[in-house]
Amino acid sequence: MTGTTTKPTLTNLDRCDRCGAQAYVRVVLPGGSDLLFCRHHAKSHDSKLREMAVEYHDETDKLTV
């Protein structure tokens, strides 16, 4: 995994590609396409996503308990 994000900050309109919940993680793939995930799905696929990612932008720190 290399690089820093150049995409805008995720908003409440960005949705998880897996379930439709609000996205807090953006994964940019080598071809330039990106995937958006909620915290749950990003966490459950974390190791594989980080392995494939050119950029991994995590905003889960915005979540509060």
PDB file of N, CA and C in Angstrom:
ATOM      1  N   MET A   1       0.848  -1.174   0.000  1.00  0.00           N
ATOM      2  CA  MET A   1       0.000   0.000   0.000  1.00  0.00           C
ATOM      3  C   MET A   1       0.891   1.233   0.000  1.00  0.00           C
ATOM      4  N   THR A   2       0.652   2.129  -0.941  1.00  0.00           N
ATOM      5  CA  THR A   2       1.422   3.360  -1.021  1.00  0.00           C
ATOM      6  C   THR A   2       0.510   4.513  -1.380  1.00  0.00           C
ATOM      7  N   GLY A   3       1.035   5.705  -1.282  1.00  0.00           N
ATOM      8  CA  GLY A   3       0.289   6.868  -1.736  1.00  0.00           C
ATOM      9  C   GLY A   3      -0.537   7.511  -0.650  1.00  0.00           C
ATOM     10  N   THR A   4      -0.953   8.717  -0.954  1.00  0.00           N
ATOM     11  CA  THR A   4      -1.857   9.439  -0.070  1.00  0.00           C
ATOM     12  C   THR A   4      -3.099   9.793  -0.857  1.00  0.00           C
ATOM     13  N   THR A   5      -4.166   9.971  -0.161  1.00  0.00           N
ATOM     14  CA  THR A   5      -5.427  10.212  -0.852  1.00  0.00           C
ATOM     15  C   THR A   5      -5.484  11.604  -1.472  1.00  0.00           C
ATOM     16  N   THR A   6      -6.013  11.669  -2.670  1.00  0.00           N
ATOM     17  CA  THR A   6      -6.237  12.945  -3.332  1.00  0.00           C
ATOM     18  C   THR A   6      -7.728  13.151  -3.550  1.00  0.00           C
ATOM     19  N   LYS A   7      -8.521  12.181  -3.168  1.00  0.00           N
ATOM     20  CA  LYS A   7      -9.975  12.250  -3.306  1.00  0.00           C
ATOM     21  C   LYS A   7     -10.528  13.107  -2.170  1.00  0.00           C
ATOM     22  N   PRO A   8     -11.695  13.703  -2.374  1.00  0.00           N
ATOM     23  CA  PRO A   8     -12.291  14.506  -1.303  1.00  0.00           C
ATOM     24  C   PRO A   8     -12.691  13.643  -0.106  1.00  0.00           C
ATOM     25  N   THR A   9     -12.861  14.310   1.010  1.00  0.00           N
ATOM     26  CA  THR A   9     -13.304  13.643   2.224  1.00  0.00           C
ATOM     27  C   THR A   9     -14.644  12.955   1.979  1.00  0.00           C
ATOM     28  N   LEU A  10     -14.835  11.819   2.604  1.00  0.00           N
ATOM     29  CA  LEU A  10     -16.104  11.100   2.478  1.00  0.00           C
ATOM     30  C   LEU A  10     -17.216  11.908   3.152  1.00  0.00           C
ATOM     31  N   THR A  11     -18.403  11.860   2.584  1.00  0.00           N
ATOM     32  CA  THR A  11     -19.553  12.571   3.151  1.00  0.00           C
ATOM     33  C   THR A  11     -20.638  11.567   3.520  1.00  0.00           C
ATOM     34  N   ASN A  12     -21.714  12.049   4.117  1.00  0.00           N
ATOM     35  CA  ASN A  12     -22.812  11.154   4.478  1.00  0.00           C
ATOM     36  C   ASN A  12     -23.566  10.647   3.248  1.00  0.00           C
ATOM     37  N   LEU A  13     -23.255  11.170   2.076  1.00  0.00           N
ATOM     38  CA  LEU A  13     -23.855  10.663   0.836  1.00  0.00           C
ATOM     39  C   LEU A  13     -23.090   9.466   0.273  1.00  0.00           C
ATOM     40  N   ASP A  14     -21.850   9.263   0.726  1.00  0.00           N
ATOM     41  CA  ASP A  14     -21.052   8.118   0.276  1.00  0.00           C
ATOM     42  C   ASP A  14     -21.528   6.868   1.007  1.00  0.00           C
ATOM     43  N   ARG A  15     -21.783   5.823   0.251  1.00  0.00           N
ATOM     44  CA  ARG A  15     -22.382   4.610   0.795  1.00  0.00           C
ATOM     45  C   ARG A  15     -21.513   3.385   0.574  1.00  0.00           C
ATOM     46  N   CYS A  16     -21.566   2.472   1.525  1.00  0.00           N
ATOM     47  CA  CYS A  16     -20.839   1.209   1.460  1.00  0.00           C
ATOM     48  C   CYS A  16     -21.288   0.428   0.228  1.00  0.00           C
ATOM     49  N   ASP A  17     -20.324  -0.022  -0.564  1.00  0.00           N
ATOM     50  CA  ASP A  17     -20.646  -0.811  -1.755  1.00  0.00           C
ATOM     51  C   ASP A  17     -21.224  -2.177  -1.398  1.00  0.00           C
ATOM     52  N   ARG A  18     -21.049  -2.605  -0.185  1.00  0.00           N
ATOM     53  CA  ARG A  18     -21.516  -3.927   0.241  1.00  0.00           C
ATOM     54  C   ARG A  18     -22.937  -3.897   0.800  1.00  0.00           C
ATOM     55  N   CYS A  19     -23.251  -2.886   1.639  1.00  0.00           N
ATOM     56  CA  CYS A  19     -24.550  -2.915   2.329  1.00  0.00           C
ATOM     57  C   CYS A  19     -25.354  -1.619   2.237  1.00  0.00           C
ATOM     58  N   GLY A  20     -24.755  -0.540   1.762  1.00  0.00           N
ATOM     59  CA  GLY A  20     -25.481   0.717   1.637  1.00  0.00           C
ATOM     60  C   GLY A  20     -25.420   1.628   2.849  1.00  0.00           C
ATOM     61  N   ALA A  21     -24.745   1.203   3.920  1.00  0.00           N
ATOM     62  CA  ALA A  21     -24.576   2.073   5.090  1.00  0.00           C
ATOM     63  C   ALA A  21     -23.592   3.191   4.743  1.00  0.00           C
ATOM     64  N   GLN A  22     -23.494   4.191   5.610  1.00  0.00           N
ATOM     65  CA  GLN A  22     -22.560   5.286   5.347  1.00  0.00           C
ATOM     66  C   GLN A  22     -21.137   4.751   5.277  1.00  0.00           C
ATOM     67  N   ALA A  23     -20.396   5.188   4.270  1.00  0.00           N
ATOM     68  CA  ALA A  23     -19.016   4.741   4.074  1.00  0.00           C
ATOM     69  C   ALA A  23     -18.052   5.607   4.874  1.00  0.00           C
ATOM     70  N   TYR A  24     -17.083   4.955   5.505  1.00  0.00           N
ATOM     71  CA  TYR A  24     -16.026   5.637   6.241  1.00  0.00           C
ATOM     72  C   TYR A  24     -14.644   5.233   5.743  1.00  0.00           C
ATOM     73  N   VAL A  25     -14.590   4.315   4.783  1.00  0.00           N
ATOM     74  CA  VAL A  25     -13.312   3.856   4.234  1.00  0.00           C
ATOM     75  C   VAL A  25     -13.400   3.863   2.717  1.00  0.00           C
ATOM     76  N   ARG A  26     -12.394   4.468   2.083  1.00  0.00           N
ATOM     77  CA  ARG A  26     -12.280   4.448   0.619  1.00  0.00           C
ATOM     78  C   ARG A  26     -11.008   3.680   0.279  1.00  0.00           C
ATOM     79  N   VAL A  27     -11.148   2.679  -0.585  1.00  0.00           N
ATOM     80  CA  VAL A  27     -10.011   1.893  -1.051  1.00  0.00           C
ATOM     81  C   VAL A  27      -9.849   2.170  -2.540  1.00  0.00           C
ATOM     82  N   VAL A  28      -8.687   2.671  -2.926  1.00  0.00           N
ATOM     83  CA  VAL A  28      -8.408   2.926  -4.337  1.00  0.00           C
ATOM     84  C   VAL A  28      -7.579   1.758  -4.858  1.00  0.00           C
ATOM     85  N   LEU A  29      -8.058   1.152  -5.935  1.00  0.00           N
ATOM     86  CA  LEU A  29      -7.408  -0.014  -6.527  1.00  0.00           C
ATOM     87  C   LEU A  29      -6.398   0.413  -7.586  1.00  0.00           C
ATOM     88  N   PRO A  30      -5.483  -0.485  -7.978  1.00  0.00           N
ATOM     89  CA  PRO A  30      -4.450  -0.139  -8.953  1.00  0.00           C
ATOM     90  C   PRO A  30      -4.976   0.467 -10.257  1.00  0.00           C
ATOM     91  N   GLY A  31      -6.121   0.059 -10.731  1.00  0.00           N
ATOM     92  CA  GLY A  31      -6.685   0.610 -11.961  1.00  0.00           C
ATOM     93  C   GLY A  31      -7.277   1.997 -11.805  1.00  0.00           C
ATOM     94  N   GLY A  32      -7.342   2.497 -10.569  1.00  0.00           N
ATOM     95  CA  GLY A  32      -7.876   3.829 -10.310  1.00  0.00           C
ATOM     96  C   GLY A  32      -9.303   3.841  -9.800  1.00  0.00           C
ATOM     97  N   SER A  33     -10.007   2.714  -9.894  1.00  0.00           N
ATOM     98  CA  SER A  33     -11.373   2.678  -9.366  1.00  0.00           C
ATOM     99  C   SER A  33     -11.316   2.616  -7.844  1.00  0.00           C
ATOM    100  N   ASP A  34     -12.388   3.050  -7.216  1.00  0.00           N
ATOM    101  CA  ASP A  34     -12.405   2.998  -5.763  1.00  0.00           C
ATOM    102  C   ASP A  34     -13.607   2.229  -5.251  1.00  0.00           C
ATOM    103  N   LEU A  35     -13.438   1.707  -4.059  1.00  0.00           N
ATOM    104  CA  LEU A  35     -14.480   0.977  -3.351  1.00  0.00           C
ATOM    105  C   LEU A  35     -14.729   1.709  -2.044  1.00  0.00           C
ATOM    106  N   LEU A  36     -15.989   1.769  -1.641  1.00  0.00           N
ATOM    107  CA  LEU A  36     -16.361   2.418  -0.392  1.00  0.00           C
ATOM    108  C   LEU A  36     -16.936   1.380   0.553  1.00  0.00           C
ATOM    109  N   PHE A  37     -16.565   1.488   1.834  1.00  0.00           N
ATOM    110  CA  PHE A  37     -17.030   0.527   2.825  1.00  0.00           C
ATOM    111  C   PHE A  37     -17.405   1.203   4.132  1.00  0.00           C
ATOM    112  N   CYS A  38     -18.409   0.645   4.792  1.00  0.00           N
ATOM    113  CA  CYS A  38     -18.724   1.028   6.163  1.00  0.00           C
ATOM    114  C   CYS A  38     -17.623   0.435   7.052  1.00  0.00           C
ATOM    115  N   ARG A  39     -17.610   0.818   8.301  1.00  0.00           N
ATOM    116  CA  ARG A  39     -16.582   0.310   9.213  1.00  0.00           C
ATOM    117  C   ARG A  39     -16.642  -1.209   9.326  1.00  0.00           C
ATOM    118  N   HIS A  40     -17.839  -1.756   9.437  1.00  0.00           N
ATOM    119  CA  HIS A  40     -18.006  -3.203   9.599  1.00  0.00           C
ATOM    120  C   HIS A  40     -17.374  -3.974   8.443  1.00  0.00           C
ATOM    121  N   HIS A  41     -17.712  -3.612   7.227  1.00  0.00           N
ATOM    122  CA  HIS A  41     -17.197  -4.357   6.080  1.00  0.00           C
ATOM    123  C   HIS A  41     -15.719  -4.070   5.813  1.00  0.00           C
ATOM    124  N   ALA A  42     -15.266  -2.862   6.080  1.00  0.00           N
ATOM    125  CA  ALA A  42     -13.838  -2.562   5.937  1.00  0.00           C
ATOM    126  C   ALA A  42     -13.034  -3.396   6.926  1.00  0.00           C
ATOM    127  N   LYS A  43     -13.537  -3.494   8.140  1.00  0.00           N
ATOM    128  CA  LYS A  43     -12.830  -4.254   9.175  1.00  0.00           C
ATOM    129  C   LYS A  43     -12.831  -5.747   8.865  1.00  0.00           C
ATOM    130  N   SER A  44     -13.938  -6.264   8.367  1.00  0.00           N
ATOM    131  CA  SER A  44     -14.015  -7.702   8.109  1.00  0.00           C
ATOM    132  C   SER A  44     -13.172  -8.132   6.912  1.00  0.00           C
ATOM    133  N   HIS A  45     -12.801  -7.191   6.040  1.00  0.00           N
ATOM    134  CA  HIS A  45     -11.975  -7.516   4.867  1.00  0.00           C
ATOM    135  C   HIS A  45     -10.659  -6.735   4.882  1.00  0.00           C
ATOM    136  N   ASP A  46     -10.269  -6.239   6.040  1.00  0.00           N
ATOM    137  CA  ASP A  46      -9.144  -5.321   6.176  1.00  0.00           C
ATOM    138  C   ASP A  46      -7.846  -5.819   5.546  1.00  0.00           C
ATOM    139  N   SER A  47      -7.400  -7.008   5.881  1.00  0.00           N
ATOM    140  CA  SER A  47      -6.092  -7.460   5.399  1.00  0.00           C
ATOM    141  C   SER A  47      -6.052  -7.582   3.880  1.00  0.00           C
ATOM    142  N   LYS A  48      -7.101  -8.106   3.283  1.00  0.00           N
ATOM    143  CA  LYS A  48      -7.144  -8.248   1.824  1.00  0.00           C
ATOM    144  C   LYS A  48      -7.240  -6.880   1.143  1.00  0.00           C
ATOM    145  N   LEU A  49      -8.049  -5.985   1.692  1.00  0.00           N
ATOM    146  CA  LEU A  49      -8.189  -4.649   1.109  1.00  0.00           C
ATOM    147  C   LEU A  49      -6.868  -3.886   1.150  1.00  0.00           C
ATOM    148  N   ARG A  50      -6.181  -3.943   2.279  1.00  0.00           N
ATOM    149  CA  ARG A  50      -4.897  -3.237   2.405  1.00  0.00           C
ATOM    150  C   ARG A  50      -3.846  -3.833   1.474  1.00  0.00           C
ATOM    151  N   GLU A  51      -3.913  -5.128   1.264  1.00  0.00           N
ATOM    152  CA  GLU A  51      -2.984  -5.806   0.359  1.00  0.00           C
ATOM    153  C   GLU A  51      -3.183  -5.339  -1.088  1.00  0.00           C
ATOM    154  N   MET A  52      -4.421  -5.126  -1.494  1.00  0.00           N
ATOM    155  CA  MET A  52      -4.756  -4.748  -2.871  1.00  0.00           C
ATOM    156  C   MET A  52      -4.688  -3.239  -3.113  1.00  0.00           C
ATOM    157  N   ALA A  53      -4.800  -2.447  -2.075  1.00  0.00           N
ATOM    158  CA  ALA A  53      -4.991  -1.001  -2.209  1.00  0.00           C
ATOM    159  C   ALA A  53      -3.752  -0.253  -2.686  1.00  0.00           C
ATOM    160  N   VAL A  54      -3.995   0.722  -3.542  1.00  0.00           N
ATOM    161  CA  VAL A  54      -2.982   1.710  -3.888  1.00  0.00           C
ATOM    162  C   VAL A  54      -3.073   2.833  -2.853  1.00  0.00           C
ATOM    163  N   GLU A  55      -4.296   3.138  -2.442  1.00  0.00           N
ATOM    164  CA  GLU A  55      -4.564   4.105  -1.377  1.00  0.00           C
ATOM    165  C   GLU A  55      -5.633   3.522  -0.461  1.00  0.00           C
ATOM    166  N   TYR A  56      -5.495   3.761   0.832  1.00  0.00           N
ATOM    167  CA  TYR A  56      -6.472   3.305   1.815  1.00  0.00           C
ATOM    168  C   TYR A  56      -6.785   4.502   2.700  1.00  0.00           C
ATOM    169  N   HIS A  57      -7.966   5.065   2.534  1.00  0.00           N
ATOM    170  CA  HIS A  57      -8.360   6.278   3.251  1.00  0.00           C
ATOM    171  C   HIS A  57      -9.392   5.898   4.313  1.00  0.00           C
ATOM    172  N   ASP A  58      -8.999   5.986   5.570  1.00  0.00           N
ATOM    173  CA  ASP A  58      -9.832   5.546   6.686  1.00  0.00           C
ATOM    174  C   ASP A  58     -10.302   6.751   7.499  1.00  0.00           C
ATOM    175  N   GLU A  59     -11.615   6.934   7.565  1.00  0.00           N
ATOM    176  CA  GLU A  59     -12.200   8.021   8.354  1.00  0.00           C
ATOM    177  C   GLU A  59     -13.056   7.482   9.499  1.00  0.00           C
ATOM    178  N   THR A  60     -12.776   6.267   9.944  1.00  0.00           N
ATOM    179  CA  THR A  60     -13.578   5.682  11.023  1.00  0.00           C
ATOM    180  C   THR A  60     -13.389   6.429  12.341  1.00  0.00           C
ATOM    181  N   ASP A  61     -12.368   7.280  12.426  1.00  0.00           N
ATOM    182  CA  ASP A  61     -12.188   8.077  13.640  1.00  0.00           C
ATOM    183  C   ASP A  61     -13.324   9.088  13.832  1.00  0.00           C
ATOM    184  N   LYS A  62     -14.121   9.309  12.793  1.00  0.00           N
ATOM    185  CA  LYS A  62     -15.289  10.197  12.902  1.00  0.00           C
ATOM    186  C   LYS A  62     -16.422   9.548  13.694  1.00  0.00           C
ATOM    187  N   LEU A  63     -16.359   8.231  13.834  1.00  0.00           N
ATOM    188  CA  LEU A  63     -17.403   7.509  14.564  1.00  0.00           C
ATOM    189  C   LEU A  63     -17.179   7.654  16.058  1.00  0.00           C
ATOM    190  N   THR A  64     -18.271   7.752  16.798  1.00  0.00           N
ATOM    191  CA  THR A  64     -18.186   7.789  18.253  1.00  0.00           C
ATOM    192  C   THR A  64     -18.982   6.625  18.803  1.00  0.00           C
ATOM    193  N   VAL A  65     -18.620   6.206  19.977  1.00  0.00           N
ATOM    194  CA  VAL A  65     -19.290   5.064  20.594  1.00  0.00           C
ATOM    195  C   VAL A  65     -20.527   5.507  21.315  1.00  0.00           C
TER     196      VAL A  65
END
